[in-house]
Amino acid sequence: MLATSFALQPEASAASHEIPVSRTVGGDSLARRLGTGQLRTFEAKDYVFREGDPVAQVYLVEVGHICIYRTLADGRRQVIDFAYPGDIVGLGAMGEHGNNAQATARSRVRCVPIAALQQAIREDGRLGLKLCEALSRELTASRELLFTVSQRTAGERVASFLIGLSRRNERIGADRCEFVLPMTRADIADFLGLTIETVSRTFTKLRGDGMIDLAQSVLVTIVDYEGLRALADGRSQ
């Protein structure tokens, strides 16, 4: 699922942090097309869709945060991605959804029927190009996640995760060195293939090493950006 940058502020309502859609989905014409979808509100823990549900719509996140994941029969979970305002969820699914999409906070989503999106593409080829670019970014992110969970150490994984969130902010013109984590430590652990305890210890170590500051366990301030990036890239000694 496509996920682009978004920065929250602590203890603020989701409605006060809307991002103009055209800044994230890539173009005013695409934003107008997607903006015609039905508006729905999901409370925290509500499902936007579940694995196995038929694919009838794509979902444009306007406010809030969505966690995309899969689970095994024994309860093990792999978080695939996180979606922020401006992100399109469900774009690459065929026939039926292969993942679950669950709101981690009160979220507002535009539901766009697949048929309407296909018709819009037929009418304006530029929309097809924009969606192709979105799918390309999704594929790149999936490959990066595969490399992260298979090759990087715990410290490198968490550093890479934080750098990724920093770059999201940069792409939408927000502060690259300060952002709120809208997901839980369990979500981060299941995304990076780590335990909750390892994630917590790694955050503590990064803070102790002077790379980040962590207020109220959710507000991240990157103090040493180059050092954190070097760790993420495996260049830290």
Protein backbone atom coordinates (compact mmCIF):
# COMPACT_ATOMS: atom_id res chain seq x y z
CA MET A 1 0.00 0.00 0.00
CA LEU A 2 1.25 3.43 -0.85
CA ALA A 3 2.37 5.49 2.13
CA THR A 4 3.57 9.07 1.93
CA SER A 5 4.68 11.55 4.55
CA PHE A 6 2.60 13.00 7.34
CA ALA A 7 3.50 14.76 10.58
CA LEU A 8 1.21 14.99 13.61
CA GLN A 9 1.43 17.07 16.73
CA PRO A 10 0.94 15.54 20.18
CA GLU A 11 -2.50 15.47 21.73
CA ALA A 12 -4.17 17.30 18.84
CA SER A 13 -7.29 16.34 16.93
CA ALA A 14 -6.85 14.61 13.60
CA ALA A 15 -8.95 17.22 11.82
CA SER A 16 -6.35 19.92 12.50
CA HIS A 17 -3.69 18.08 10.50
CA GLU A 18 -5.18 17.72 7.06
CA ILE A 19 -2.73 17.70 4.16
CA PRO A 20 -3.82 18.98 0.74
CA VAL A 21 -4.34 15.80 -1.25
CA SER A 22 -2.61 17.11 -4.35
CA ARG A 23 0.65 17.39 -2.39
CA THR A 24 0.76 13.68 -1.79
CA VAL A 25 -1.13 11.76 -4.45
CA GLY A 26 0.56 13.73 -7.19
CA GLY A 27 -1.47 16.28 -9.08
CA ASP A 28 -4.65 18.38 -8.88
CA SER A 29 -6.52 16.36 -11.53
CA LEU A 30 -6.00 13.09 -9.67
CA ALA A 31 -6.90 14.76 -6.39
CA ARG A 32 -10.19 16.00 -7.87
CA ARG A 33 -11.06 12.54 -9.19
CA LEU A 34 -10.33 10.82 -5.90
CA GLY A 35 -12.05 13.61 -3.96
CA THR A 36 -15.43 12.65 -5.43
CA GLY A 37 -15.56 9.40 -3.47
CA GLN A 38 -17.89 8.71 -0.56
CA LEU A 39 -16.54 9.99 2.75
CA ARG A 40 -16.39 7.55 5.66
CA THR A 41 -15.09 7.87 9.21
CA PHE A 42 -13.39 4.97 10.99
CA GLU A 43 -12.75 4.90 14.71
CA ALA A 44 -9.52 3.47 16.12
CA LYS A 45 -9.44 -0.34 15.62
CA ASP A 46 -12.15 -0.22 12.92
CA TYR A 47 -11.34 -2.12 9.73
CA VAL A 48 -11.34 -0.33 6.40
CA PHE A 49 -11.23 -3.81 4.86
CA ARG A 50 -10.16 -7.32 5.85
CA GLU A 51 -8.12 -9.98 4.13
CA GLY A 52 -10.39 -11.87 1.72
CA ASP A 53 -12.88 -9.03 1.24
CA PRO A 54 -13.78 -8.45 -2.42
CA VAL A 55 -12.04 -5.48 -4.00
CA ALA A 56 -14.63 -2.90 -5.00
CA GLN A 57 -12.97 0.38 -3.99
CA VAL A 58 -9.70 2.11 -3.33
CA TYR A 59 -9.35 4.34 -0.29
CA LEU A 60 -7.82 7.79 -0.05
CA VAL A 61 -6.82 8.70 3.51
CA GLU A 62 -7.77 12.30 4.30
CA VAL A 63 -7.25 12.34 8.07
CA GLY A 64 -5.77 9.82 10.47
CA HIS A 65 -3.60 6.75 10.08
CA ILE A 66 -4.15 3.22 8.73
CA CYS A 67 -2.10 0.10 9.49
CA ILE A 68 -1.91 -2.53 6.71
CA TYR A 69 -0.98 -6.04 7.83
CA ARG A 70 -1.40 -9.80 7.44
CA THR A 71 -1.78 -12.46 10.12
CA LEU A 72 -1.19 -16.20 10.30
CA ALA A 73 -3.58 -18.67 11.91
CA ASP A 74 -1.47 -18.73 15.09
CA GLY A 75 -1.74 -14.95 15.50
CA ARG A 76 1.66 -13.92 14.16
CA ARG A 77 1.42 -10.63 12.33
CA GLN A 78 3.45 -8.83 9.68
CA VAL A 79 2.75 -5.14 9.24
CA ILE A 80 3.12 -4.37 5.53
CA ASP A 81 2.87 -0.59 5.63
CA PHE A 82 1.35 2.47 7.26
CA ALA A 83 -0.89 4.89 5.39
CA TYR A 84 -1.09 8.61 6.14
CA PRO A 85 -3.23 11.47 4.79
CA GLY A 86 -2.83 11.63 1.03
CA ASP A 87 -2.07 7.91 0.71
CA ILE A 88 -4.09 5.53 -1.45
CA VAL A 89 -4.88 2.17 0.16
CA GLY A 90 -5.89 -0.94 -1.76
CA LEU A 91 -4.60 0.24 -5.11
CA GLY A 92 -2.62 -2.88 -5.99
CA ALA A 93 -5.20 -5.47 -4.90
CA MET A 94 -6.79 -7.81 -7.48
CA GLY A 95 -10.08 -9.64 -6.96
CA GLU A 96 -9.88 -9.78 -3.18
CA HIS A 97 -7.80 -8.01 -0.57
CA GLY A 98 -4.71 -9.89 0.55
CA ASN A 99 -4.20 -7.73 3.66
CA ASN A 100 -6.11 -6.15 6.51
CA ALA A 101 -6.38 -2.36 6.75
CA GLN A 102 -7.19 -1.09 10.25
CA ALA A 103 -7.41 2.45 11.59
CA THR A 104 -4.99 3.12 14.45
CA ALA A 105 -6.67 6.44 15.21
CA ARG A 106 -9.93 8.14 14.23
CA SER A 107 -9.58 8.43 10.46
CA ARG A 108 -11.48 9.94 7.56
CA VAL A 109 -11.27 8.12 4.23
CA ARG A 110 -12.61 8.70 0.70
CA CYS A 111 -13.96 5.50 -0.85
CA VAL A 112 -13.58 5.51 -4.63
CA PRO A 113 -15.25 2.72 -6.64
CA ILE A 114 -12.83 0.81 -8.86
CA ALA A 115 -15.18 1.24 -11.82
CA ALA A 116 -15.20 5.01 -11.39
CA LEU A 117 -11.41 5.09 -11.16
CA GLN A 118 -11.07 2.98 -14.32
CA GLN A 119 -13.46 5.29 -16.17
CA ALA A 120 -11.47 8.32 -15.04
CA ILE A 121 -8.27 6.74 -16.38
CA ARG A 122 -9.93 6.08 -19.73
CA GLU A 123 -10.94 9.74 -19.90
CA ASP A 124 -7.58 11.13 -18.82
CA GLY A 125 -4.43 9.10 -19.49
CA ARG A 126 -2.44 11.32 -17.12
CA LEU A 127 -4.33 9.76 -14.22
CA GLY A 128 -3.13 6.33 -15.26
CA LEU A 129 0.44 7.61 -15.26
CA LYS A 130 0.03 9.06 -11.77
CA LEU A 131 -1.36 5.78 -10.46
CA CYS A 132 1.46 3.88 -12.17
CA GLU A 133 3.93 6.12 -10.35
CA ALA A 134 2.11 5.39 -7.08
CA LEU A 135 2.37 1.64 -7.67
CA SER A 136 6.06 2.01 -8.50
CA ARG A 137 6.67 3.77 -5.18
CA GLU A 138 4.73 1.00 -3.44
CA LEU A 139 6.92 -1.65 -5.07
CA THR A 140 10.07 0.22 -4.08
CA ALA A 141 8.86 0.46 -0.48
CA SER A 142 8.09 -3.28 -0.42
CA ARG A 143 11.58 -4.13 -1.64
CA GLU A 144 13.09 -1.84 0.97
CA LEU A 145 11.08 -3.55 3.70
CA LEU A 146 12.21 -6.98 2.47
CA PHE A 147 15.84 -5.87 2.62
CA THR A 148 15.35 -4.33 6.06
CA VAL A 149 13.85 -7.38 7.75
CA SER A 150 16.27 -9.82 6.11
CA GLN A 151 19.61 -7.99 6.35
CA ARG A 152 19.61 -5.08 8.79
CA THR A 153 20.37 -5.29 12.51
CA ALA A 154 17.80 -4.12 15.07
CA GLY A 155 19.48 -0.73 15.37
CA GLU A 156 19.67 -0.35 11.60
CA ARG A 157 16.01 -1.32 11.23
CA VAL A 158 14.74 1.26 13.71
CA ALA A 159 17.07 3.93 12.30
CA SER A 160 15.86 3.15 8.78
CA PHE A 161 12.25 3.37 9.95
CA LEU A 162 12.82 6.80 11.49
CA ILE A 163 14.69 8.06 8.42
CA GLY A 164 11.78 6.87 6.28
CA LEU A 165 9.34 8.91 8.37
CA SER A 166 11.70 11.87 8.16
CA ARG A 167 11.74 11.65 4.37
CA ARG A 168 7.95 11.50 4.30
CA ASN A 169 7.87 14.83 6.10
CA GLU A 170 10.43 16.28 3.73
CA ARG A 171 8.36 15.35 0.69
CA ILE A 172 5.35 17.33 1.94
CA GLY A 173 7.39 20.31 3.15
CA ALA A 174 7.16 19.48 6.88
CA ASP A 175 9.96 19.38 9.46
CA ARG A 176 12.12 16.35 8.67
CA CYS A 177 13.53 16.22 12.20
CA GLU A 178 10.35 16.22 14.29
CA PHE A 179 7.29 14.00 14.04
CA VAL A 180 4.85 11.99 16.13
CA LEU A 181 4.65 8.20 15.96
CA PRO A 182 0.93 7.47 15.42
CA MET A 183 1.51 3.72 15.68
CA THR A 184 2.22 1.59 18.76
CA ARG A 185 5.51 -0.09 19.62
CA ALA A 186 3.80 -3.39 18.75
CA ASP A 187 2.98 -2.03 15.27
CA ILE A 188 6.60 -0.95 14.77
CA ALA A 189 7.86 -4.32 16.00
CA ASP A 190 5.59 -6.22 13.61
CA PHE A 191 6.65 -3.93 10.77
CA LEU A 192 10.38 -4.39 11.38
CA GLY A 193 10.31 -8.07 12.36
CA LEU A 194 11.43 -7.38 15.94
CA THR A 195 10.01 -7.87 19.43
CA ILE A 196 8.40 -5.01 21.33
CA GLU A 197 11.18 -5.22 23.91
CA THR A 198 13.87 -4.89 21.23
CA VAL A 199 12.14 -1.87 19.70
CA SER A 200 11.91 -0.17 23.12
CA ARG A 201 15.55 -0.94 23.96
CA THR A 202 16.68 0.36 20.58
CA PHE A 203 14.79 3.63 21.01
CA THR A 204 16.40 4.00 24.43
CA LYS A 205 19.87 3.34 22.96
CA LEU A 206 19.36 5.83 20.12
CA ARG A 207 18.33 8.41 22.69
CA GLY A 208 21.32 7.58 24.90
CA ASP A 209 23.65 7.88 21.90
CA GLY A 210 22.35 11.38 21.24
CA MET A 211 20.78 10.55 17.88
CA ILE A 212 17.16 11.23 18.86
CA ASP A 213 15.07 12.74 21.61
CA LEU A 214 11.81 11.03 22.53
CA ALA A 215 9.21 13.03 24.43
CA GLN A 216 6.19 11.23 25.92
CA SER A 217 7.30 8.10 24.00
CA VAL A 218 5.71 9.40 20.78
CA LEU A 219 7.26 12.75 19.80
CA VAL A 220 10.51 12.02 17.97
CA THR A 221 13.13 14.71 17.47
CA ILE A 222 16.09 13.68 15.33
CA VAL A 223 19.11 15.32 16.94
CA ASP A 224 21.84 13.77 14.77
CA TYR A 225 20.32 13.24 11.32
CA GLU A 226 23.56 12.26 9.59
CA GLY A 227 24.47 9.84 12.36
CA LEU A 228 21.03 8.23 12.21
CA ARG A 229 21.21 7.95 8.42
CA ALA A 230 24.67 6.41 8.64
CA LEU A 231 23.34 3.80 11.06
CA ALA A 232 20.38 3.05 8.78
CA ASP A 233 22.76 2.60 5.83
CA GLY A 234 25.08 0.31 7.77
CA ARG A 235 27.90 2.86 7.76
CA SER A 236 28.01 3.45 11.52
CA GLN A 237 31.02 2.06 13.39
